């Protein structure tokens, strides 16, 4: 099974926003940036995603080729539950 790459784009994020998203990932998957889940299914990275991220779209999270805009920590948890099924 291929690894799902969970990428949090850091443009236009405050430190608090970034930490809240990382806390949500840690609570759900027990991984930090650069780590892969124990089952090998999900890898987390922080990235500069470039001009594709407009300020009004942040926080932006990519999962493979799919982008999710305006992601709150709660929405990220919901998305992660969907991926882990």
PDB file of N, CA and C in Angstrom:
ATOM      1  N   UNK A   1       0.853  -1.181   0.000  1.00  0.00           N
ATOM      2  CA  UNK A   1       0.000   0.000   0.000  1.00  0.00           C
ATOM      3  C   UNK A   1       0.898   1.243   0.000  1.00  0.00           C
ATOM      4  N   UNK A   2       0.654   2.197  -0.903  1.00  0.00           N
ATOM      5  CA  UNK A   2       1.479   3.408  -0.942  1.00  0.00           C
ATOM      6  C   UNK A   2       1.227   4.302   0.274  1.00  0.00           C
ATOM      7  N   UNK A   3       2.250   5.057   0.625  1.00  0.00           N
ATOM      8  CA  UNK A   3       2.155   5.986   1.745  1.00  0.00           C
ATOM      9  C   UNK A   3       1.355   7.209   1.317  1.00  0.00           C
ATOM     10  N   UNK A   4       0.398   7.621   2.139  1.00  0.00           N
ATOM     11  CA  UNK A   4      -0.338   8.857   1.905  1.00  0.00           C
ATOM     12  C   UNK A   4       0.487   9.999   2.465  1.00  0.00           C
ATOM     13  N   UNK A   5       0.764  10.976   1.621  1.00  0.00           N
ATOM     14  CA  UNK A   5       1.556  12.134   2.060  1.00  0.00           C
ATOM     15  C   UNK A   5       0.614  13.237   2.516  1.00  0.00           C
ATOM     16  N   UNK A   6       0.683  13.584   3.781  1.00  0.00           N
ATOM     17  CA  UNK A   6      -0.088  14.672   4.378  1.00  0.00           C
ATOM     18  C   UNK A   6       0.846  15.865   4.480  1.00  0.00           C
ATOM     19  N   UNK A   7       0.532  16.906   3.740  1.00  0.00           N
ATOM     20  CA  UNK A   7       1.412  18.070   3.640  1.00  0.00           C
ATOM     21  C   UNK A   7       0.677  19.311   4.133  1.00  0.00           C
ATOM     22  N   UNK A   8       1.215  19.960   5.138  1.00  0.00           N
ATOM     23  CA  UNK A   8       0.649  21.210   5.637  1.00  0.00           C
ATOM     24  C   UNK A   8       1.458  22.349   5.036  1.00  0.00           C
ATOM     25  N   UNK A   9       0.784  23.189   4.257  1.00  0.00           N
ATOM     26  CA  UNK A   9       1.448  24.332   3.629  1.00  0.00           C
ATOM     27  C   UNK A   9       1.578  25.445   4.664  1.00  0.00           C
ATOM     28  N   UNK A  10       2.780  25.954   4.811  1.00  0.00           N
ATOM     29  CA  UNK A  10       3.058  26.888   5.897  1.00  0.00           C
ATOM     30  C   UNK A  10       2.858  28.354   5.531  1.00  0.00           C
ATOM     31  N   UNK A  11       2.607  28.641   4.265  1.00  0.00           N
ATOM     32  CA  UNK A  11       2.370  30.030   3.887  1.00  0.00           C
ATOM     33  C   UNK A  11       1.139  30.582   4.593  1.00  0.00           C
ATOM     34  N   UNK A  12       1.234  31.818   5.010  1.00  0.00           N
ATOM     35  CA  UNK A  12       0.108  32.561   5.587  1.00  0.00           C
ATOM     36  C   UNK A  12      -0.415  31.964   6.894  1.00  0.00           C
ATOM     37  N   UNK A  13       0.389  31.157   7.569  1.00  0.00           N
ATOM     38  CA  UNK A  13      -0.025  30.589   8.855  1.00  0.00           C
ATOM     39  C   UNK A  13       0.692  31.304   9.988  1.00  0.00           C
ATOM     40  N   UNK A  14      -0.052  31.585  11.031  1.00  0.00           N
ATOM     41  CA  UNK A  14       0.603  32.072  12.245  1.00  0.00           C
ATOM     42  C   UNK A  14       1.240  30.865  12.937  1.00  0.00           C
ATOM     43  N   UNK A  15       2.122  31.129  13.858  1.00  0.00           N
ATOM     44  CA  UNK A  15       2.729  30.035  14.622  1.00  0.00           C
ATOM     45  C   UNK A  15       1.648  29.256  15.357  1.00  0.00           C
ATOM     46  N   UNK A  16       0.665  29.962  15.909  1.00  0.00           N
ATOM     47  CA  UNK A  16      -0.423  29.288  16.633  1.00  0.00           C
ATOM     48  C   UNK A  16      -1.231  28.384  15.710  1.00  0.00           C
ATOM     49  N   UNK A  17      -1.548  28.860  14.497  1.00  0.00           N
ATOM     50  CA  UNK A  17      -2.298  28.024  13.554  1.00  0.00           C
ATOM     51  C   UNK A  17      -1.515  26.760  13.216  1.00  0.00           C
ATOM     52  N   UNK A  18      -0.234  26.935  12.917  1.00  0.00           N
ATOM     53  CA  UNK A  18       0.602  25.780  12.570  1.00  0.00           C
ATOM     54  C   UNK A  18       0.647  24.794  13.732  1.00  0.00           C
ATOM     55  N   UNK A  19       0.861  25.286  14.932  1.00  0.00           N
ATOM     56  CA  UNK A  19       0.936  24.402  16.098  1.00  0.00           C
ATOM     57  C   UNK A  19      -0.394  23.703  16.365  1.00  0.00           C
ATOM     58  N   UNK A  20      -1.512  24.405  16.170  1.00  0.00           N
ATOM     59  CA  UNK A  20      -2.828  23.780  16.362  1.00  0.00           C
ATOM     60  C   UNK A  20      -3.040  22.631  15.376  1.00  0.00           C
ATOM     61  N   UNK A  21      -2.630  22.822  14.117  1.00  0.00           N
ATOM     62  CA  UNK A  21      -2.754  21.751  13.124  1.00  0.00           C
ATOM     63  C   UNK A  21      -1.836  20.581  13.475  1.00  0.00           C
ATOM     64  N   UNK A  22      -0.608  20.882  13.865  1.00  0.00           N
ATOM     65  CA  UNK A  22       0.326  19.815  14.243  1.00  0.00           C
ATOM     66  C   UNK A  22      -0.153  19.063  15.480  1.00  0.00           C
ATOM     67  N   UNK A  23      -0.743  19.769  16.429  1.00  0.00           N
ATOM     68  CA  UNK A  23      -1.310  19.109  17.615  1.00  0.00           C
ATOM     69  C   UNK A  23      -2.435  18.158  17.223  1.00  0.00           C
ATOM     70  N   UNK A  24      -3.265  18.570  16.258  1.00  0.00           N
ATOM     71  CA  UNK A  24      -4.367  17.718  15.794  1.00  0.00           C
ATOM     72  C   UNK A  24      -3.828  16.451  15.136  1.00  0.00           C
ATOM     73  N   UNK A  25      -2.779  16.597  14.320  1.00  0.00           N
ATOM     74  CA  UNK A  25      -2.173  15.424  13.682  1.00  0.00           C
ATOM     75  C   UNK A  25      -1.566  14.509  14.745  1.00  0.00           C
ATOM     76  N   UNK A  26      -0.863  15.087  15.704  1.00  0.00           N
ATOM     77  CA  UNK A  26      -0.256  14.271  16.758  1.00  0.00           C
ATOM     78  C   UNK A  26      -1.323  13.501  17.535  1.00  0.00           C
ATOM     79  N   UNK A  27      -2.405  14.171  17.896  1.00  0.00           N
ATOM     80  CA  UNK A  27      -3.468  13.524  18.668  1.00  0.00           C
ATOM     81  C   UNK A  27      -4.103  12.370  17.893  1.00  0.00           C
ATOM     82  N   UNK A  28      -4.257  12.541  16.588  1.00  0.00           N
ATOM     83  CA  UNK A  28      -4.931  11.522  15.785  1.00  0.00           C
ATOM     84  C   UNK A  28      -3.995  10.416  15.299  1.00  0.00           C
ATOM     85  N   UNK A  29      -2.779  10.789  14.891  1.00  0.00           N
ATOM     86  CA  UNK A  29      -1.901   9.827  14.227  1.00  0.00           C
ATOM     87  C   UNK A  29      -0.586   9.553  14.955  1.00  0.00           C
ATOM     88  N   UNK A  30      -0.267  10.361  15.973  1.00  0.00           N
ATOM     89  CA  UNK A  30       0.977  10.221  16.728  1.00  0.00           C
ATOM     90  C   UNK A  30       2.218  10.379  15.843  1.00  0.00           C
ATOM     91  N   UNK A  31       2.168  11.367  14.931  1.00  0.00           N
ATOM     92  CA  UNK A  31       3.347  11.686  14.127  1.00  0.00           C
ATOM     93  C   UNK A  31       3.578  13.190  14.119  1.00  0.00           C
ATOM     94  N   UNK A  32       4.832  13.546  13.922  1.00  0.00           N
ATOM     95  CA  UNK A  32       5.275  14.925  13.761  1.00  0.00           C
ATOM     96  C   UNK A  32       5.857  15.051  12.356  1.00  0.00           C
ATOM     97  N   UNK A  33       6.161  16.271  11.908  1.00  0.00           N
ATOM     98  CA  UNK A  33       6.736  16.435  10.567  1.00  0.00           C
ATOM     99  C   UNK A  33       7.972  15.555  10.363  1.00  0.00           C
ATOM    100  N   UNK A  34       8.007  14.907   9.203  1.00  0.00           N
ATOM    101  CA  UNK A  34       9.107  14.018   8.859  1.00  0.00           C
ATOM    102  C   UNK A  34       8.902  12.583   9.294  1.00  0.00           C
ATOM    103  N   UNK A  35       7.825  12.327  10.017  1.00  0.00           N
ATOM    104  CA  UNK A  35       7.555  10.980  10.522  1.00  0.00           C
ATOM    105  C   UNK A  35       6.495  10.283   9.675  1.00  0.00           C
ATOM    106  N   UNK A  36       6.478   8.955   9.782  1.00  0.00           N
ATOM    107  CA  UNK A  36       5.475   8.105   9.141  1.00  0.00           C
ATOM    108  C   UNK A  36       4.760   7.354  10.257  1.00  0.00           C
ATOM    109  N   UNK A  37       3.459   7.148  10.094  1.00  0.00           N
ATOM    110  CA  UNK A  37       2.698   6.416  11.107  1.00  0.00           C
ATOM    111  C   UNK A  37       3.267   5.009  11.292  1.00  0.00           C
ATOM    112  N   UNK A  38       3.003   4.420  12.444  1.00  0.00           N
ATOM    113  CA  UNK A  38       3.517   3.088  12.769  1.00  0.00           C
ATOM    114  C   UNK A  38       3.099   2.050  11.734  1.00  0.00           C
ATOM    115  N   UNK A  39       1.912   2.222  11.150  1.00  0.00           N
ATOM    116  CA  UNK A  39       1.457   1.267  10.137  1.00  0.00           C
ATOM    117  C   UNK A  39       2.017   1.577   8.750  1.00  0.00           C
ATOM    118  N   UNK A  40       2.779   2.673   8.642  1.00  0.00           N
ATOM    119  CA  UNK A  40       3.403   3.030   7.369  1.00  0.00           C
ATOM    120  C   UNK A  40       2.477   3.660   6.355  1.00  0.00           C
ATOM    121  N   UNK A  41       1.278   4.048   6.771  1.00  0.00           N
ATOM    122  CA  UNK A  41       0.294   4.551   5.813  1.00  0.00           C
ATOM    123  C   UNK A  41       0.344   6.051   5.558  1.00  0.00           C
ATOM    124  N   UNK A  42       0.763   6.851   6.535  1.00  0.00           N
ATOM    125  CA  UNK A  42       0.699   8.311   6.397  1.00  0.00           C
ATOM    126  C   UNK A  42       2.032   8.931   6.790  1.00  0.00           C
ATOM    127  N   UNK A  43       2.507   9.844   5.943  1.00  0.00           N
ATOM    128  CA  UNK A  43       3.715  10.624   6.219  1.00  0.00           C
ATOM    129  C   UNK A  43       3.321  12.088   6.336  1.00  0.00           C
ATOM    130  N   UNK A  44       3.857  12.787   7.321  1.00  0.00           N
ATOM    131  CA  UNK A  44       3.541  14.200   7.537  1.00  0.00           C
ATOM    132  C   UNK A  44       4.720  15.075   7.152  1.00  0.00           C
ATOM    133  N   UNK A  45       4.421  16.162   6.419  1.00  0.00           N
ATOM    134  CA  UNK A  45       5.471  17.134   6.111  1.00  0.00           C
ATOM    135  C   UNK A  45       4.908  18.543   6.184  1.00  0.00           C
ATOM    136  N   UNK A  46       5.798  19.479   6.496  1.00  0.00           N
ATOM    137  CA  UNK A  46       5.506  20.906   6.405  1.00  0.00           C
ATOM    138  C   UNK A  46       6.197  21.395   5.149  1.00  0.00           C
ATOM    139  N   UNK A  47       5.496  22.185   4.329  1.00  0.00           N
ATOM    140  CA  UNK A  47       6.067  22.608   3.055  1.00  0.00           C
ATOM    141  C   UNK A  47       5.729  24.045   2.737  1.00  0.00           C
ATOM    142  N   UNK A  48       6.617  24.660   1.975  1.00  0.00           N
ATOM    143  CA  UNK A  48       6.312  25.925   1.323  1.00  0.00           C
ATOM    144  C   UNK A  48       5.652  25.528   0.008  1.00  0.00           C
ATOM    145  N   UNK A  49       4.378  25.775  -0.137  1.00  0.00           N
ATOM    146  CA  UNK A  49       3.635  25.305  -1.305  1.00  0.00           C
ATOM    147  C   UNK A  49       3.596  26.322  -2.438  1.00  0.00           C
ATOM    148  N   UNK A  50       4.193  27.478  -2.226  1.00  0.00           N
ATOM    149  CA  UNK A  50       4.337  28.451  -3.301  1.00  0.00           C
ATOM    150  C   UNK A  50       3.101  29.282  -3.566  1.00  0.00           C
ATOM    151  N   UNK A  51       3.050  29.864  -4.770  1.00  0.00           N
ATOM    152  CA  UNK A  51       1.975  30.795  -5.103  1.00  0.00           C
ATOM    153  C   UNK A  51       0.595  30.155  -5.199  1.00  0.00           C
ATOM    154  N   UNK A  52       0.529  28.842  -5.112  1.00  0.00           N
ATOM    155  CA  UNK A  52      -0.775  28.169  -5.161  1.00  0.00           C
ATOM    156  C   UNK A  52      -1.626  28.486  -3.938  1.00  0.00           C
ATOM    157  N   UNK A  53      -1.001  28.991  -2.877  1.00  0.00           N
ATOM    158  CA  UNK A  53      -1.723  29.257  -1.634  1.00  0.00           C
ATOM    159  C   UNK A  53      -1.981  30.754  -1.493  1.00  0.00           C
ATOM    160  N   UNK A  54      -3.233  31.129  -1.660  1.00  0.00           N
ATOM    161  CA  UNK A  54      -3.633  32.519  -1.439  1.00  0.00           C
ATOM    162  C   UNK A  54      -3.918  32.702   0.049  1.00  0.00           C
ATOM    163  N   UNK A  55      -3.709  33.908   0.570  1.00  0.00           N
ATOM    164  CA  UNK A  55      -3.952  34.130   2.005  1.00  0.00           C
ATOM    165  C   UNK A  55      -5.350  33.707   2.453  1.00  0.00           C
ATOM    166  N   UNK A  56      -6.348  33.925   1.604  1.00  0.00           N
ATOM    167  CA  UNK A  56      -7.719  33.572   1.993  1.00  0.00           C
ATOM    168  C   UNK A  56      -7.966  32.066   2.000  1.00  0.00           C
ATOM    169  N   UNK A  57      -7.040  31.275   1.449  1.00  0.00           N
ATOM    170  CA  UNK A  57      -7.189  29.814   1.417  1.00  0.00           C
ATOM    171  C   UNK A  57      -6.505  29.120   2.593  1.00  0.00           C
ATOM    172  N   UNK A  58      -5.677  29.838   3.307  1.00  0.00           N
ATOM    173  CA  UNK A  58      -4.913  29.229   4.401  1.00  0.00           C
ATOM    174  C   UNK A  58      -5.808  28.996   5.615  1.00  0.00           C
ATOM    175  N   UNK A  59      -5.535  27.968   6.333  1.00  0.00           N
ATOM    176  CA  UNK A  59      -4.535  26.931   6.148  1.00  0.00           C
ATOM    177  C   UNK A  59      -4.916  25.979   5.007  1.00  0.00           C
ATOM    178  N   UNK A  60      -3.909  25.595   4.234  1.00  0.00           N
ATOM    179  CA  UNK A  60      -4.100  24.664   3.130  1.00  0.00           C
ATOM    180  C   UNK A  60      -3.347  23.382   3.453  1.00  0.00           C
ATOM    181  N   UNK A  61      -4.031  22.260   3.233  1.00  0.00           N
ATOM    182  CA  UNK A  61      -3.453  20.940   3.470  1.00  0.00           C
ATOM    183  C   UNK A  61      -3.585  20.148   2.184  1.00  0.00           C
ATOM    184  N   UNK A  62      -2.513  19.476   1.811  1.00  0.00           N
ATOM    185  CA  UNK A  62      -2.537  18.594   0.641  1.00  0.00           C
ATOM    186  C   UNK A  62      -2.432  17.153   1.105  1.00  0.00           C
ATOM    187  N   UNK A  63      -3.241  16.327   0.466  1.00  0.00           N
ATOM    188  CA  UNK A  63      -3.170  14.889   0.690  1.00  0.00           C
ATOM    189  C   UNK A  63      -3.011  14.271  -0.684  1.00  0.00           C
ATOM    190  N   UNK A  64      -1.801  13.835  -0.977  1.00  0.00           N
ATOM    191  CA  UNK A  64      -1.522  13.391  -2.335  1.00  0.00           C
ATOM    192  C   UNK A  64      -1.701  14.574  -3.273  1.00  0.00           C
ATOM    193  N   UNK A  65      -2.586  14.425  -4.252  1.00  0.00           N
ATOM    194  CA  UNK A  65      -2.850  15.484  -5.227  1.00  0.00           C
ATOM    195  C   UNK A  65      -4.076  16.320  -4.883  1.00  0.00           C
ATOM    196  N   UNK A  66      -4.706  16.068  -3.752  1.00  0.00           N
ATOM    197  CA  UNK A  66      -5.935  16.769  -3.380  1.00  0.00           C
ATOM    198  C   UNK A  66      -5.608  17.871  -2.376  1.00  0.00           C
ATOM    199  N   UNK A  67      -6.157  19.070  -2.620  1.00  0.00           N
ATOM    200  CA  UNK A  67      -5.953  20.198  -1.711  1.00  0.00           C
ATOM    201  C   UNK A  67      -7.223  20.485  -0.928  1.00  0.00           C
ATOM    202  N   UNK A  68      -7.045  20.769   0.345  1.00  0.00           N
ATOM    203  CA  UNK A  68      -8.139  21.171   1.221  1.00  0.00           C
ATOM    204  C   UNK A  68      -7.803  22.561   1.737  1.00  0.00           C
ATOM    205  N   UNK A  69      -8.707  23.502   1.527  1.00  0.00           N
ATOM    206  CA  UNK A  69      -8.469  24.902   1.892  1.00  0.00           C
ATOM    207  C   UNK A  69      -9.228  25.270   3.163  1.00  0.00           C
ATOM    208  N   UNK A  70      -8.707  26.262   3.880  1.00  0.00           N
ATOM    209  CA  UNK A  70      -9.336  26.753   5.113  1.00  0.00           C
ATOM    210  C   UNK A  70      -9.541  25.630   6.130  1.00  0.00           C
ATOM    211  N   UNK A  71      -8.517  24.836   6.310  1.00  0.00           N
ATOM    212  CA  UNK A  71      -8.601  23.663   7.181  1.00  0.00           C
ATOM    213  C   UNK A  71      -8.385  24.066   8.644  1.00  0.00           C
ATOM    214  N   UNK A  72      -9.375  23.784   9.446  1.00  0.00           N
ATOM    215  CA  UNK A  72      -9.257  23.981  10.894  1.00  0.00           C
ATOM    216  C   UNK A  72      -8.721  22.681  11.504  1.00  0.00           C
ATOM    217  N   UNK A  73      -8.235  22.723  12.726  1.00  0.00           N
ATOM    218  CA  UNK A  73      -7.804  21.475  13.365  1.00  0.00           C
ATOM    219  C   UNK A  73      -8.934  20.436  13.431  1.00  0.00           C
ATOM    220  N   UNK A  74     -10.145  20.879  13.698  1.00  0.00           N
ATOM    221  CA  UNK A  74     -11.283  19.954  13.773  1.00  0.00           C
ATOM    222  C   UNK A  74     -11.559  19.306  12.415  1.00  0.00           C
ATOM    223  N   UNK A  75     -11.488  20.106  11.361  1.00  0.00           N
ATOM    224  CA  UNK A  75     -11.709  19.553  10.017  1.00  0.00           C
ATOM    225  C   UNK A  75     -10.585  18.589   9.658  1.00  0.00           C
ATOM    226  N   UNK A  76      -9.367  18.906  10.052  1.00  0.00           N
ATOM    227  CA  UNK A  76      -8.244  18.020   9.774  1.00  0.00           C
ATOM    228  C   UNK A  76      -8.441  16.671  10.456  1.00  0.00           C
ATOM    229  N   UNK A  77      -8.923  16.668  11.682  1.00  0.00           N
ATOM    230  CA  UNK A  77      -9.199  15.408  12.383  1.00  0.00           C
ATOM    231  C   UNK A  77     -10.251  14.608  11.626  1.00  0.00           C
ATOM    232  N   UNK A  78     -11.302  15.267  11.162  1.00  0.00           N
ATOM    233  CA  UNK A  78     -12.346  14.591  10.383  1.00  0.00           C
ATOM    234  C   UNK A  78     -11.766  13.977   9.119  1.00  0.00           C
ATOM    235  N   UNK A  79     -10.930  14.723   8.417  1.00  0.00           N
ATOM    236  CA  UNK A  79     -10.304  14.207   7.198  1.00  0.00           C
ATOM    237  C   UNK A  79      -9.401  13.018   7.506  1.00  0.00           C
ATOM    238  N   UNK A  80      -8.628  13.105   8.573  1.00  0.00           N
ATOM    239  CA  UNK A  80      -7.727  12.004   8.923  1.00  0.00           C
ATOM    240  C   UNK A  80      -8.500  10.739   9.269  1.00  0.00           C
ATOM    241  N   UNK A  81      -9.635  10.882   9.917  1.00  0.00           N
ATOM    242  CA  UNK A  81     -10.465   9.711  10.223  1.00  0.00           C
ATOM    243  C   UNK A  81     -10.930   9.050   8.936  1.00  0.00           C
ATOM    244  N   UNK A  82     -11.255   9.852   7.949  1.00  0.00           N
ATOM    245  CA  UNK A  82     -11.701   9.332   6.656  1.00  0.00           C
ATOM    246  C   UNK A  82     -10.567   8.566   5.965  1.00  0.00           C
ATOM    247  N   UNK A  83      -9.333   9.079   6.033  1.00  0.00           N
ATOM    248  CA  UNK A  83      -8.206   8.423   5.365  1.00  0.00           C
ATOM    249  C   UNK A  83      -7.827   7.123   6.036  1.00  0.00           C
ATOM    250  N   UNK A  84      -8.047   7.027   7.324  1.00  0.00           N
ATOM    251  CA  UNK A  84      -7.587   5.843   8.051  1.00  0.00           C
ATOM    252  C   UNK A  84      -8.568   4.682   7.979  1.00  0.00           C
ATOM    253  N   UNK A  85      -9.641   4.844   7.264  1.00  0.00           N
ATOM    254  CA  UNK A  85     -10.618   3.745   7.144  1.00  0.00           C
ATOM    255  C   UNK A  85     -10.189   2.746   6.111  1.00  0.00           C
TER     256      UNK A  85
END
